[in-house]
PDB file of N, CA and C in Angstrom:
ATOM      1  N   MET A   1       1.002  -1.058   0.040  1.00  0.00           N
ATOM      2  CA  MET A   1      -0.071  -0.067  -0.085  1.00  0.00           C
ATOM      3  C   MET A   1       0.953   1.379  -0.066  1.00  0.00           C
ATOM      4  N   LEU A   2       0.424   2.251  -0.894  1.00  0.00           N
ATOM      5  CA  LEU A   2       1.251   3.518  -0.792  1.00  0.00           C
ATOM      6  C   LEU A   2       0.413   4.678  -0.590  1.00  0.00           C
ATOM      7  N   GLU A   3       0.603   5.411   0.391  1.00  0.00           N
ATOM      8  CA  GLU A   3      -0.325   6.500   0.624  1.00  0.00           C
ATOM      9  C   GLU A   3       0.470   7.819   0.442  1.00  0.00           C
ATOM     10  N   THR A   4      -0.146   8.864  -0.458  1.00  0.00           N
ATOM     11  CA  THR A   4       0.635  10.140  -0.565  1.00  0.00           C
ATOM     12  C   THR A   4      -0.529  11.179  -0.405  1.00  0.00           C
ATOM     13  N   THR A   5       0.199  12.263   0.236  1.00  0.00           N
ATOM     14  CA  THR A   5      -0.905  13.385   0.707  1.00  0.00           C
ATOM     15  C   THR A   5      -0.471  14.600  -0.161  1.00  0.00           C
ATOM     16  N   PHE A   6      -1.273  15.274  -0.649  1.00  0.00           N
ATOM     17  CA  PHE A   6      -0.975  16.369  -1.793  1.00  0.00           C
ATOM     18  C   PHE A   6      -1.597  17.598  -1.153  1.00  0.00           C
ATOM     19  N   ILE A   7      -0.888  18.829  -0.902  1.00  0.00           N
ATOM     20  CA  ILE A   7      -1.213  20.107  -0.371  1.00  0.00           C
ATOM     21  C   ILE A   7      -1.241  21.102  -1.565  1.00  0.00           C
ATOM     22  N   THR A   8      -2.387  21.756  -1.718  1.00  0.00           N
ATOM     23  CA  THR A   8      -2.280  23.018  -2.548  1.00  0.00           C
ATOM     24  C   THR A   8      -2.782  23.909  -2.021  1.00  0.00           C
ATOM     25  N   ALA A   9      -2.716  25.130  -2.837  1.00  0.00           N
ATOM     26  CA  ALA A   9      -3.185  26.313  -2.014  1.00  0.00           C
ATOM     27  C   ALA A   9      -4.725  26.300  -1.722  1.00  0.00           C
ATOM     28  N   GLY A  10      -5.554  25.612  -2.485  1.00  0.00           N
ATOM     29  CA  GLY A  10      -6.969  25.410  -2.060  1.00  0.00           C
ATOM     30  C   GLY A  10      -7.331  24.270  -1.103  1.00  0.00           C
ATOM     31  N   GLY A  11      -6.340  23.456  -0.889  1.00  0.00           N
ATOM     32  CA  GLY A  11      -6.979  22.204  -0.177  1.00  0.00           C
ATOM     33  C   GLY A  11      -6.054  21.030   0.001  1.00  0.00           C
ATOM     34  N   THR A  12      -6.429  19.779   0.564  1.00  0.00           N
ATOM     35  CA  THR A  12      -5.399  18.937   0.884  1.00  0.00           C
ATOM     36  C   THR A  12      -6.245  17.475   0.435  1.00  0.00           C
ATOM     37  N   VAL A  13      -5.505  16.740  -0.190  1.00  0.00           N
ATOM     38  CA  VAL A  13      -6.029  15.340  -0.676  1.00  0.00           C
ATOM     39  C   VAL A  13      -5.138  14.253  -0.256  1.00  0.00           C
ATOM     40  N   ARG A  14      -5.706  12.890   0.240  1.00  0.00           N
ATOM     41  CA  ARG A  14      -4.695  12.102   0.218  1.00  0.00           C
ATOM     42  C   ARG A  14      -5.211  10.774  -0.824  1.00  0.00           C
ATOM     43  N   VAL A  15      -4.077  10.228  -1.376  1.00  0.00           N
ATOM     44  CA  VAL A  15      -4.158   9.222  -2.555  1.00  0.00           C
ATOM     45  C   VAL A  15      -3.722   7.742  -2.075  1.00  0.00           C
ATOM     46  N   THR A  16      -4.716   6.942  -1.803  1.00  0.00           N
ATOM     47  CA  THR A  16      -4.083   5.775  -1.447  1.00  0.00           C
ATOM     48  C   THR A  16      -4.278   4.479  -2.378  1.00  0.00           C
ATOM     49  N   ASN A  17      -3.067   3.817  -2.766  1.00  0.00           N
ATOM     50  CA  ASN A  17      -2.808   2.789  -3.637  1.00  0.00           C
ATOM     51  C   ASN A  17      -2.609   1.596  -3.184  1.00  0.00           C
ATOM     52  N   ALA A  18      -3.130   0.445  -3.633  1.00  0.00           N
ATOM     53  CA  ALA A  18      -2.994  -0.749  -2.987  1.00  0.00           C
ATOM     54  C   ALA A  18      -3.192  -1.877  -4.105  1.00  0.00           C
ATOM     55  N   LEU A  19      -2.483  -3.111  -3.922  1.00  0.00           N
ATOM     56  CA  LEU A  19      -2.755  -4.327  -4.855  1.00  0.00           C
ATOM     57  C   LEU A  19      -3.312  -5.171  -4.039  1.00  0.00           C
ATOM     58  N   PRO A  20      -4.746  -5.400  -4.201  1.00  0.00           N
ATOM     59  CA  PRO A  20      -5.455  -6.090  -3.278  1.00  0.00           C
ATOM     60  C   PRO A  20      -5.210  -7.697  -3.508  1.00  0.00           C
ATOM     61  N   LEU A  21      -5.507  -8.327  -2.471  1.00  0.00           N
ATOM     62  CA  LEU A  21      -5.326  -9.708  -2.563  1.00  0.00           C
ATOM     63  C   LEU A  21      -6.490 -10.198  -3.324  1.00  0.00           C
ATOM     64  N   PRO A  22      -6.418 -11.159  -4.346  1.00  0.00           N
ATOM     65  CA  PRO A  22      -7.407 -11.523  -5.191  1.00  0.00           C
ATOM     66  C   PRO A  22      -8.457 -12.595  -4.422  1.00  0.00           C
ATOM     67  N   ASP A  23      -9.577 -12.287  -5.040  1.00  0.00           N
ATOM     68  CA  ASP A  23     -10.892 -13.235  -4.448  1.00  0.00           C
ATOM     69  C   ASP A  23     -11.563 -13.946  -5.623  1.00  0.00           C
ATOM     70  N   THR A  24     -12.482 -14.516  -5.736  1.00  0.00           N
ATOM     71  CA  THR A  24     -12.768 -15.344  -6.700  1.00  0.00           C
ATOM     72  C   THR A  24     -13.656 -14.167  -8.088  1.00  0.00           C
ATOM     73  N   ALA A  25     -13.772 -13.199  -7.630  1.00  0.00           N
ATOM     74  CA  ALA A  25     -14.254 -12.036  -8.528  1.00  0.00           C
ATOM     75  C   ALA A  25     -13.175 -11.094  -9.293  1.00  0.00           C
ATOM     76  N   SER A  26     -11.925 -11.545  -8.403  1.00  0.00           N
ATOM     77  CA  SER A  26     -10.854 -10.466  -9.217  1.00  0.00           C
ATOM     78  C   SER A  26     -10.081 -11.090  -9.990  1.00  0.00           C
ATOM     79  N   PRO A  27      -9.140 -10.238 -10.740  1.00  0.00           N
ATOM     80  CA  PRO A  27      -8.263 -10.709 -11.368  1.00  0.00           C
ATOM     81  C   PRO A  27      -7.075 -11.582 -10.951  1.00  0.00           C
ATOM     82  N   ALA A  28      -6.184 -12.065 -11.642  1.00  0.00           N
ATOM     83  CA  ALA A  28      -5.206 -12.702 -11.225  1.00  0.00           C
ATOM     84  C   ALA A  28      -4.347 -11.674 -10.044  1.00  0.00           C
ATOM     85  N   PRO A  29      -3.435 -12.405  -9.181  1.00  0.00           N
ATOM     86  CA  PRO A  29      -2.798 -11.538  -8.250  1.00  0.00           C
ATOM     87  C   PRO A  29      -1.877 -10.408  -8.928  1.00  0.00           C
ATOM     88  N   GLY A  30      -1.926  -9.339  -8.584  1.00  0.00           N
ATOM     89  CA  GLY A  30      -1.052  -8.136  -8.970  1.00  0.00           C
ATOM     90  C   GLY A  30      -1.457  -7.665 -10.257  1.00  0.00           C
ATOM     91  N   ARG A  31      -2.647  -7.806 -10.592  1.00  0.00           N
ATOM     92  CA  ARG A  31      -3.177  -7.535 -11.862  1.00  0.00           C
ATOM     93  C   ARG A  31      -4.671  -6.348 -11.613  1.00  0.00           C
ATOM     94  N   GLU A  32      -4.630  -6.011 -10.406  1.00  0.00           N
ATOM     95  CA  GLU A  32      -5.703  -5.040 -10.059  1.00  0.00           C
ATOM     96  C   GLU A  32      -5.069  -4.047  -9.025  1.00  0.00           C
ATOM     97  N   LEU A  33      -5.402  -2.650  -9.344  1.00  0.00           N
ATOM     98  CA  LEU A  33      -4.875  -1.589  -8.689  1.00  0.00           C
ATOM     99  C   LEU A  33      -6.186  -0.748  -8.198  1.00  0.00           C
ATOM    100  N   ALA A  34      -6.222  -0.843  -6.887  1.00  0.00           N
ATOM    101  CA  ALA A  34      -7.430  -0.226  -6.148  1.00  0.00           C
ATOM    102  C   ALA A  34      -6.842   1.189  -5.806  1.00  0.00           C
ATOM    103  N   ARG A  35      -7.396   2.482  -6.204  1.00  0.00           N
ATOM    104  CA  ARG A  35      -6.951   3.722  -5.647  1.00  0.00           C
ATOM    105  C   ARG A  35      -8.012   4.622  -4.944  1.00  0.00           C
ATOM    106  N   ARG A  36      -7.747   4.780  -3.891  1.00  0.00           N
ATOM    107  CA  ARG A  36      -8.925   5.742  -3.163  1.00  0.00           C
ATOM    108  C   ARG A  36      -8.456   7.301  -2.980  1.00  0.00           C
ATOM    109  N   ILE A  37      -9.285   8.206  -3.270  1.00  0.00           N
ATOM    110  CA  ILE A  37      -9.092   9.544  -3.231  1.00  0.00           C
ATOM    111  C   ILE A  37      -9.794  10.162  -1.866  1.00  0.00           C
ATOM    112  N   GLU A  38      -9.359  10.819  -1.200  1.00  0.00           N
ATOM    113  CA  GLU A  38      -9.966  11.300   0.046  1.00  0.00           C
ATOM    114  C   GLU A  38      -9.791  12.867   0.108  1.00  0.00           C
ATOM    115  N   GLY A  39     -10.958  13.600   0.223  1.00  0.00           N
ATOM    116  CA  GLY A  39     -10.639  15.165   0.369  1.00  0.00           C
ATOM    117  C   GLY A  39     -10.587  15.460   1.641  1.00  0.00           C
ATOM    118  N   LEU A  40      -9.421  15.970   2.095  1.00  0.00           N
ATOM    119  CA  LEU A  40      -9.269  16.138   3.657  1.00  0.00           C
ATOM    120  C   LEU A  40      -9.413  17.682   4.031  1.00  0.00           C
ATOM    121  N   ALA A  41      -9.283  18.400   3.177  1.00  0.00           N
ATOM    122  CA  ALA A  41      -9.458  19.975   3.565  1.00  0.00           C
ATOM    123  C   ALA A  41      -9.770  20.710   2.266  1.00  0.00           C
ATOM    124  N   GLY A  42     -10.561  21.749   2.384  1.00  0.00           N
ATOM    125  CA  GLY A  42     -10.632  22.762   1.025  1.00  0.00           C
ATOM    126  C   GLY A  42     -11.098  22.006  -0.088  1.00  0.00           C
ATOM    127  N   SER A  43     -10.715  22.396  -1.101  1.00  0.00           N
ATOM    128  CA  SER A  43     -11.226  22.088  -2.582  1.00  0.00           C
ATOM    129  C   SER A  43      -9.844  21.963  -3.410  1.00  0.00           C
ATOM    130  N   VAL A  44      -9.659  20.974  -4.078  1.00  0.00           N
ATOM    131  CA  VAL A  44      -8.660  20.515  -4.848  1.00  0.00           C
ATOM    132  C   VAL A  44      -9.132  19.993  -6.210  1.00  0.00           C
ATOM    133  N   PRO A  45      -8.936  20.852  -7.523  1.00  0.00           N
ATOM    134  CA  PRO A  45      -9.490  20.205  -8.629  1.00  0.00           C
ATOM    135  C   PRO A  45      -8.659  19.043  -9.167  1.00  0.00           C
ATOM    136  N   MET A  46      -9.265  18.057  -9.382  1.00  0.00           N
ATOM    137  CA  MET A  46      -8.943  16.657  -9.795  1.00  0.00           C
ATOM    138  C   MET A  46      -9.018  16.472 -11.304  1.00  0.00           C
ATOM    139  N   ARG A  47      -8.247  15.691 -11.917  1.00  0.00           N
ATOM    140  CA  ARG A  47      -8.547  15.108 -13.327  1.00  0.00           C
ATOM    141  C   ARG A  47      -7.765  13.900 -13.410  1.00  0.00           C
ATOM    142  N   TRP A  48      -8.416  13.099 -14.351  1.00  0.00           N
ATOM    143  CA  TRP A  48      -7.423  11.545 -14.505  1.00  0.00           C
ATOM    144  C   TRP A  48      -7.619  11.293 -16.138  1.00  0.00           C
ATOM    145  N   SER A  49      -6.788  10.491 -16.278  1.00  0.00           N
ATOM    146  CA  SER A  49      -6.496   9.731 -17.715  1.00  0.00           C
ATOM    147  C   SER A  49      -6.146   8.435 -17.419  1.00  0.00           C
ATOM    148  N   ILE A  50      -6.449   7.624 -18.383  1.00  0.00           N
ATOM    149  CA  ILE A  50      -5.792   6.273 -18.410  1.00  0.00           C
ATOM    150  C   ILE A  50      -5.480   5.824 -19.721  1.00  0.00           C
ATOM    151  N   PRO A  51      -4.362   6.223 -20.027  1.00  0.00           N
ATOM    152  CA  PRO A  51      -3.732   5.725 -21.502  1.00  0.00           C
ATOM    153  C   PRO A  51      -3.242   4.482 -21.452  1.00  0.00           C
ATOM    154  N   PRO A  52      -4.004   3.326 -21.413  1.00  0.00           N
ATOM    155  CA  PRO A  52      -3.294   1.936 -21.300  1.00  0.00           C
ATOM    156  C   PRO A  52      -2.463   1.539 -22.586  1.00  0.00           C
ATOM    157  N   ARG A  53      -1.449   0.769 -22.450  1.00  0.00           N
ATOM    158  CA  ARG A  53      -0.440   0.562 -23.405  1.00  0.00           C
ATOM    159  C   ARG A  53      -0.062  -1.063 -22.828  1.00  0.00           C
ATOM    160  N   PHE A  54       0.222  -1.760 -23.843  1.00  0.00           N
ATOM    161  CA  PHE A  54       0.700  -3.139 -23.941  1.00  0.00           C
ATOM    162  C   PHE A  54       2.209  -3.310 -24.454  1.00  0.00           C
ATOM    163  N   GLY A  55       2.738  -4.519 -24.197  1.00  0.00           N
ATOM    164  CA  GLY A  55       3.991  -4.545 -24.635  1.00  0.00           C
ATOM    165  C   GLY A  55       5.066  -3.664 -24.162  1.00  0.00           C
ATOM    166  N   TYR A  56       4.759  -3.053 -22.841  1.00  0.00           N
ATOM    167  CA  TYR A  56       5.943  -2.162 -22.411  1.00  0.00           C
ATOM    168  C   TYR A  56       5.626  -0.708 -23.202  1.00  0.00           C
ATOM    169  N   GLY A  57       4.603  -0.590 -23.574  1.00  0.00           N
ATOM    170  CA  GLY A  57       4.109   0.795 -24.099  1.00  0.00           C
ATOM    171  C   GLY A  57       4.283   0.849 -25.638  1.00  0.00           C
ATOM    172  N   ALA A  58       4.658  -0.233 -26.064  1.00  0.00           N
ATOM    173  CA  ALA A  58       5.095  -0.566 -27.834  1.00  0.00           C
ATOM    174  C   ALA A  58       3.534  -0.548 -28.493  1.00  0.00           C
ATOM    175  N   HIS A  59       2.592  -1.189 -27.820  1.00  0.00           N
ATOM    176  CA  HIS A  59       1.194  -1.332 -28.533  1.00  0.00           C
ATOM    177  C   HIS A  59       0.284  -0.317 -28.064  1.00  0.00           C
ATOM    178  N   ILE A  60      -0.534   0.250 -28.985  1.00  0.00           N
ATOM    179  CA  ILE A  60      -1.766   0.931 -28.545  1.00  0.00           C
ATOM    180  C   ILE A  60      -2.801   0.172 -28.883  1.00  0.00           C
ATOM    181  N   PRO A  61      -3.685   0.070 -27.841  1.00  0.00           N
ATOM    182  CA  PRO A  61      -4.944  -0.926 -27.598  1.00  0.00           C
ATOM    183  C   PRO A  61      -5.974  -0.315 -28.454  1.00  0.00           C
ATOM    184  N   HIS A  62      -6.920  -1.270 -28.755  1.00  0.00           N
ATOM    185  CA  HIS A  62      -8.319  -0.967 -29.369  1.00  0.00           C
ATOM    186  C   HIS A  62      -9.154  -0.650 -27.934  1.00  0.00           C
ATOM    187  N   VAL A  63      -9.899   0.745 -27.887  1.00  0.00           N
ATOM    188  CA  VAL A  63     -10.893   0.856 -26.636  1.00  0.00           C
ATOM    189  C   VAL A  63     -12.211   0.716 -27.181  1.00  0.00           C
ATOM    190  N   ALA A  64     -12.861  -0.214 -26.238  1.00  0.00           N
ATOM    191  CA  ALA A  64     -14.341  -0.129 -26.742  1.00  0.00           C
ATOM    192  C   ALA A  64     -15.074  -0.330 -25.294  1.00  0.00           C
ATOM    193  N   ARG A  65     -16.547  -0.230 -25.181  1.00  0.00           N
ATOM    194  CA  ARG A  65     -17.179  -0.358 -24.030  1.00  0.00           C
ATOM    195  C   ARG A  65     -17.947  -1.759 -23.869  1.00  0.00           C
ATOM    196  N   ARG A  66     -17.787  -2.532 -22.753  1.00  0.00           N
ATOM    197  CA  ARG A  66     -18.665  -3.762 -22.768  1.00  0.00           C
ATOM    198  C   ARG A  66     -19.142  -3.411 -21.434  1.00  0.00           C
ATOM    199  N   VAL A  67     -20.564  -3.419 -21.682  1.00  0.00           N
ATOM    200  CA  VAL A  67     -21.495  -3.517 -20.597  1.00  0.00           C
ATOM    201  C   VAL A  67     -21.247  -2.178 -19.819  1.00  0.00           C
ATOM    202  N   GLY A  68     -21.057  -1.078 -20.658  1.00  0.00           N
ATOM    203  CA  GLY A  68     -20.832   0.214 -20.214  1.00  0.00           C
ATOM    204  C   GLY A  68     -19.503   0.370 -19.534  1.00  0.00           C
ATOM    205  N   VAL A  69     -18.625  -0.505 -19.388  1.00  0.00           N
ATOM    206  CA  VAL A  69     -17.374  -0.484 -18.839  1.00  0.00           C
ATOM    207  C   VAL A  69     -16.280  -0.367 -20.051  1.00  0.00           C
ATOM    208  N   PRO A  70     -15.346   0.897 -20.029  1.00  0.00           N
ATOM    209  CA  PRO A  70     -14.264   0.735 -20.955  1.00  0.00           C
ATOM    210  C   PRO A  70     -13.405  -0.419 -20.674  1.00  0.00           C
ATOM    211  N   VAL A  71     -13.001  -0.970 -22.088  1.00  0.00           N
ATOM    212  CA  VAL A  71     -11.897  -2.042 -21.877  1.00  0.00           C
ATOM    213  C   VAL A  71     -11.034  -1.722 -23.051  1.00  0.00           C
ATOM    214  N   ALA A  72      -9.850  -1.897 -22.900  1.00  0.00           N
ATOM    215  CA  ALA A  72      -8.727  -1.705 -23.982  1.00  0.00           C
ATOM    216  C   ALA A  72      -8.060  -3.138 -24.147  1.00  0.00           C
ATOM    217  N   THR A  73      -8.172  -3.560 -25.464  1.00  0.00           N
ATOM    218  CA  THR A  73      -7.466  -4.941 -25.786  1.00  0.00           C
ATOM    219  C   THR A  73      -6.536  -4.656 -26.790  1.00  0.00           C
ATOM    220  N   TYR A  74      -5.513  -5.556 -26.644  1.00  0.00           N
ATOM    221  CA  TYR A  74      -4.410  -5.854 -27.766  1.00  0.00           C
ATOM    222  C   TYR A  74      -3.919  -7.154 -27.562  1.00  0.00           C
ATOM    223  N   GLY A  75      -4.389  -8.011 -28.806  1.00  0.00           N
ATOM    224  CA  GLY A  75      -4.212  -9.407 -29.030  1.00  0.00           C
ATOM    225  C   GLY A  75      -5.067  -9.943 -27.909  1.00  0.00           C
ATOM    226  N   SER A  76      -4.373 -10.977 -27.053  1.00  0.00           N
ATOM    227  CA  SER A  76      -5.156 -11.680 -26.127  1.00  0.00           C
ATOM    228  C   SER A  76      -5.014 -10.904 -24.680  1.00  0.00           C
ATOM    229  N   GLU A  77      -4.671  -9.928 -24.482  1.00  0.00           N
ATOM    230  CA  GLU A  77      -4.469  -9.019 -23.291  1.00  0.00           C
ATOM    231  C   GLU A  77      -5.607  -7.932 -23.238  1.00  0.00           C
ATOM    232  N   ALA A  78      -6.024  -7.783 -21.903  1.00  0.00           N
ATOM    233  CA  ALA A  78      -7.060  -6.742 -22.023  1.00  0.00           C
ATOM    234  C   ALA A  78      -7.178  -6.088 -20.519  1.00  0.00           C
ATOM    235  N   VAL A  79      -7.554  -4.849 -20.708  1.00  0.00           N
ATOM    236  CA  VAL A  79      -7.467  -4.000 -18.969  1.00  0.00           C
ATOM    237  C   VAL A  79      -9.086  -3.646 -19.164  1.00  0.00           C
ATOM    238  N   ALA A  80      -9.836  -3.416 -17.979  1.00  0.00           N
ATOM    239  CA  ALA A  80     -10.923  -2.630 -17.947  1.00  0.00           C
ATOM    240  C   ALA A  80     -10.708  -1.798 -16.784  1.00  0.00           C
ATOM    241  N   VAL A  81     -11.549  -0.598 -16.931  1.00  0.00           N
ATOM    242  CA  VAL A  81     -11.682   0.745 -16.112  1.00  0.00           C
ATOM    243  C   VAL A  81     -12.977   0.883 -15.397  1.00  0.00           C
ATOM    244  N   CYS A  82     -12.959   0.855 -14.104  1.00  0.00           N
ATOM    245  CA  CYS A  82     -14.091   0.766 -13.259  1.00  0.00           C
ATOM    246  C   CYS A  82     -14.252   1.539 -12.142  1.00  0.00           C
ATOM    247  N   ALA A  83     -14.865   2.604 -12.117  1.00  0.00           N
ATOM    248  CA  ALA A  83     -14.845   3.510 -10.891  1.00  0.00           C
ATOM    249  C   ALA A  83     -15.932   3.248  -9.949  1.00  0.00           C
ATOM    250  N   CYS A  84     -15.739   3.342  -8.649  1.00  0.00           N
ATOM    251  CA  CYS A  84     -16.469   3.121  -7.494  1.00  0.00           C
ATOM    252  C   CYS A  84     -16.882   4.724  -7.151  1.00  0.00           C
ATOM    253  N   THR A  85     -18.139   5.035  -7.154  1.00  0.00           N
ATOM    254  CA  THR A  85     -18.631   6.429  -6.510  1.00  0.00           C
ATOM    255  C   THR A  85     -19.672   6.045  -5.598  1.00  0.00           C
ATOM    256  N   PRO A  86     -19.991   6.844  -4.805  1.00  0.00           N
ATOM    257  CA  PRO A  86     -20.954   6.795  -3.568  1.00  0.00           C
ATOM    258  C   PRO A  86     -22.345   6.119  -4.234  1.00  0.00           C
ATOM    259  N   ALA A  87     -22.877   6.579  -5.594  1.00  0.00           N
ATOM    260  CA  ALA A  87     -23.975   6.133  -6.045  1.00  0.00           C
ATOM    261  C   ALA A  87     -23.783   4.599  -6.682  1.00  0.00           C
ATOM    262  N   ASN A  88     -22.437   4.029  -6.774  1.00  0.00           N
ATOM    263  CA  ASN A  88     -21.957   2.870  -7.537  1.00  0.00           C
ATOM    264  C   ASN A  88     -21.085   1.977  -6.736  1.00  0.00           C
ATOM    265  N   ARG A  89     -21.333   1.796  -5.505  1.00  0.00           N
ATOM    266  CA  ARG A  89     -20.444   1.093  -4.310  1.00  0.00           C
ATOM    267  C   ARG A  89     -20.098  -0.200  -4.872  1.00  0.00           C
ATOM    268  N   SER A  90     -21.004  -0.915  -5.610  1.00  0.00           N
ATOM    269  CA  SER A  90     -20.611  -2.403  -5.956  1.00  0.00           C
ATOM    270  C   SER A  90     -19.451  -2.570  -6.996  1.00  0.00           C
ATOM    271  N   ALA A  91     -19.227  -1.387  -7.619  1.00  0.00           N
ATOM    272  CA  ALA A  91     -18.070  -1.655  -8.753  1.00  0.00           C
ATOM    273  C   ALA A  91     -16.501  -1.767  -7.942  1.00  0.00           C
ATOM    274  N   ARG A  92     -15.932  -2.156  -8.609  1.00  0.00           N
ATOM    275  CA  ARG A  92     -14.436  -2.231  -8.215  1.00  0.00           C
ATOM    276  C   ARG A  92     -13.587  -0.632  -8.246  1.00  0.00           C
ATOM    277  N   PRO A  93     -13.114  -0.316  -7.109  1.00  0.00           N
ATOM    278  CA  PRO A  93     -12.610   1.240  -7.120  1.00  0.00           C
ATOM    279  C   PRO A  93     -11.397   1.278  -7.819  1.00  0.00           C
ATOM    280  N   THR A  94     -11.466   2.384  -8.736  1.00  0.00           N
ATOM    281  CA  THR A  94     -10.219   2.630  -9.303  1.00  0.00           C
ATOM    282  C   THR A  94     -10.154   4.273  -9.829  1.00  0.00           C
ATOM    283  N   PRO A  95     -10.516   5.205  -8.631  1.00  0.00           N
ATOM    284  CA  PRO A  95     -10.657   6.384  -8.916  1.00  0.00           C
ATOM    285  C   PRO A  95      -9.306   7.059  -9.750  1.00  0.00           C
ATOM    286  N   PRO A  96      -9.675   8.234 -10.282  1.00  0.00           N
ATOM    287  CA  PRO A  96      -8.602   8.949 -10.816  1.00  0.00           C
ATOM    288  C   PRO A  96      -7.332   9.368 -10.066  1.00  0.00           C
ATOM    289  N   PRO A  97      -6.211   9.563 -10.805  1.00  0.00           N
ATOM    290  CA  PRO A  97      -4.961  10.050 -10.245  1.00  0.00           C
ATOM    291  C   PRO A  97      -5.021  11.547  -9.982  1.00  0.00           C
ATOM    292  N   PRO A  98      -4.370  11.887  -9.084  1.00  0.00           N
ATOM    293  CA  PRO A  98      -4.267  13.590  -9.123  1.00  0.00           C
ATOM    294  C   PRO A  98      -3.733  14.288 -10.388  1.00  0.00           C
ATOM    295  N   SER A  99      -4.170  15.484 -10.905  1.00  0.00           N
ATOM    296  CA  SER A  99      -3.733  16.203 -11.536  1.00  0.00           C
ATOM    297  C   SER A  99      -2.550  16.612 -11.402  1.00  0.00           C
ATOM    298  N   SER A 100      -1.693  16.975 -12.538  1.00  0.00           N
ATOM    299  CA  SER A 100      -0.572  17.700 -12.223  1.00  0.00           C
ATOM    300  C   SER A 100      -0.460  18.749 -11.771  1.00  0.00           C
ATOM    301  N   GLY A 101       0.613  19.306 -11.178  1.00  0.00           N
ATOM    302  CA  GLY A 101       0.419  20.678 -10.322  1.00  0.00           C
ATOM    303  C   GLY A 101       0.555  20.374  -8.938  1.00  0.00           C
ATOM    304  N   LEU A 102       0.107  19.079  -8.307  1.00  0.00           N
ATOM    305  CA  LEU A 102      -0.246  19.082  -6.935  1.00  0.00           C
ATOM    306  C   LEU A 102       1.512  18.414  -6.478  1.00  0.00           C
ATOM    307  N   THR A 103       1.661  18.690  -5.359  1.00  0.00           N
ATOM    308  CA  THR A 103       2.866  18.525  -4.467  1.00  0.00           C
ATOM    309  C   THR A 103       2.772  17.451  -3.430  1.00  0.00           C
ATOM    310  N   PRO A 104       3.489  16.166  -3.650  1.00  0.00           N
ATOM    311  CA  PRO A 104       3.367  15.251  -2.717  1.00  0.00           C
ATOM    312  C   PRO A 104       4.209  15.509  -1.247  1.00  0.00           C
ATOM    313  N   VAL A 105       3.700  15.418  -0.332  1.00  0.00           N
ATOM    314  CA  VAL A 105       4.035  15.776   0.917  1.00  0.00           C
ATOM    315  C   VAL A 105       4.593  14.468   1.591  1.00  0.00           C
ATOM    316  N   PRO A 106       6.040  14.182   1.758  1.00  0.00           N
ATOM    317  CA  PRO A 106       6.492  12.923   2.355  1.00  0.00           C
ATOM    318  C   PRO A 106       6.239  12.822   3.823  1.00  0.00           C
ATOM    319  N   GLY A 107       5.714  11.819   4.326  1.00  0.00           N
ATOM    320  CA  GLY A 107       5.541  11.367   5.723  1.00  0.00           C
ATOM    321  C   GLY A 107       4.022  11.499   6.074  1.00  0.00           C
ATOM    322  N   LEU A 108       3.558  12.390   5.242  1.00  0.00           N
ATOM    323  CA  LEU A 108       1.883  12.611   5.734  1.00  0.00           C
ATOM    324  C   LEU A 108       0.980  11.517   5.260  1.00  0.00           C
TER     325      LEU A 108
END
């Protein structure tokens, strides 16, 4: 687990990344990233993007939606992106990473 706190002029957020242990509904071990973002104080603008690549960045995948979930594929490999929001807690959590311009604060 990795926890990073970002402080901006407008507020503070904490980003926690973890590689969860698999269960019967999860992908193989080490293939799922759970990311949680907590607003700790004030207001911090956030944005995210997920540019998946395969073959160590050599291959740009085909991206399509399957049952409303974005899925990137290249050959036999695939990655899906699913976000957990208060209205959709049954989904696997993969919230967005912080936008550029935030400063990590070590030790918080």
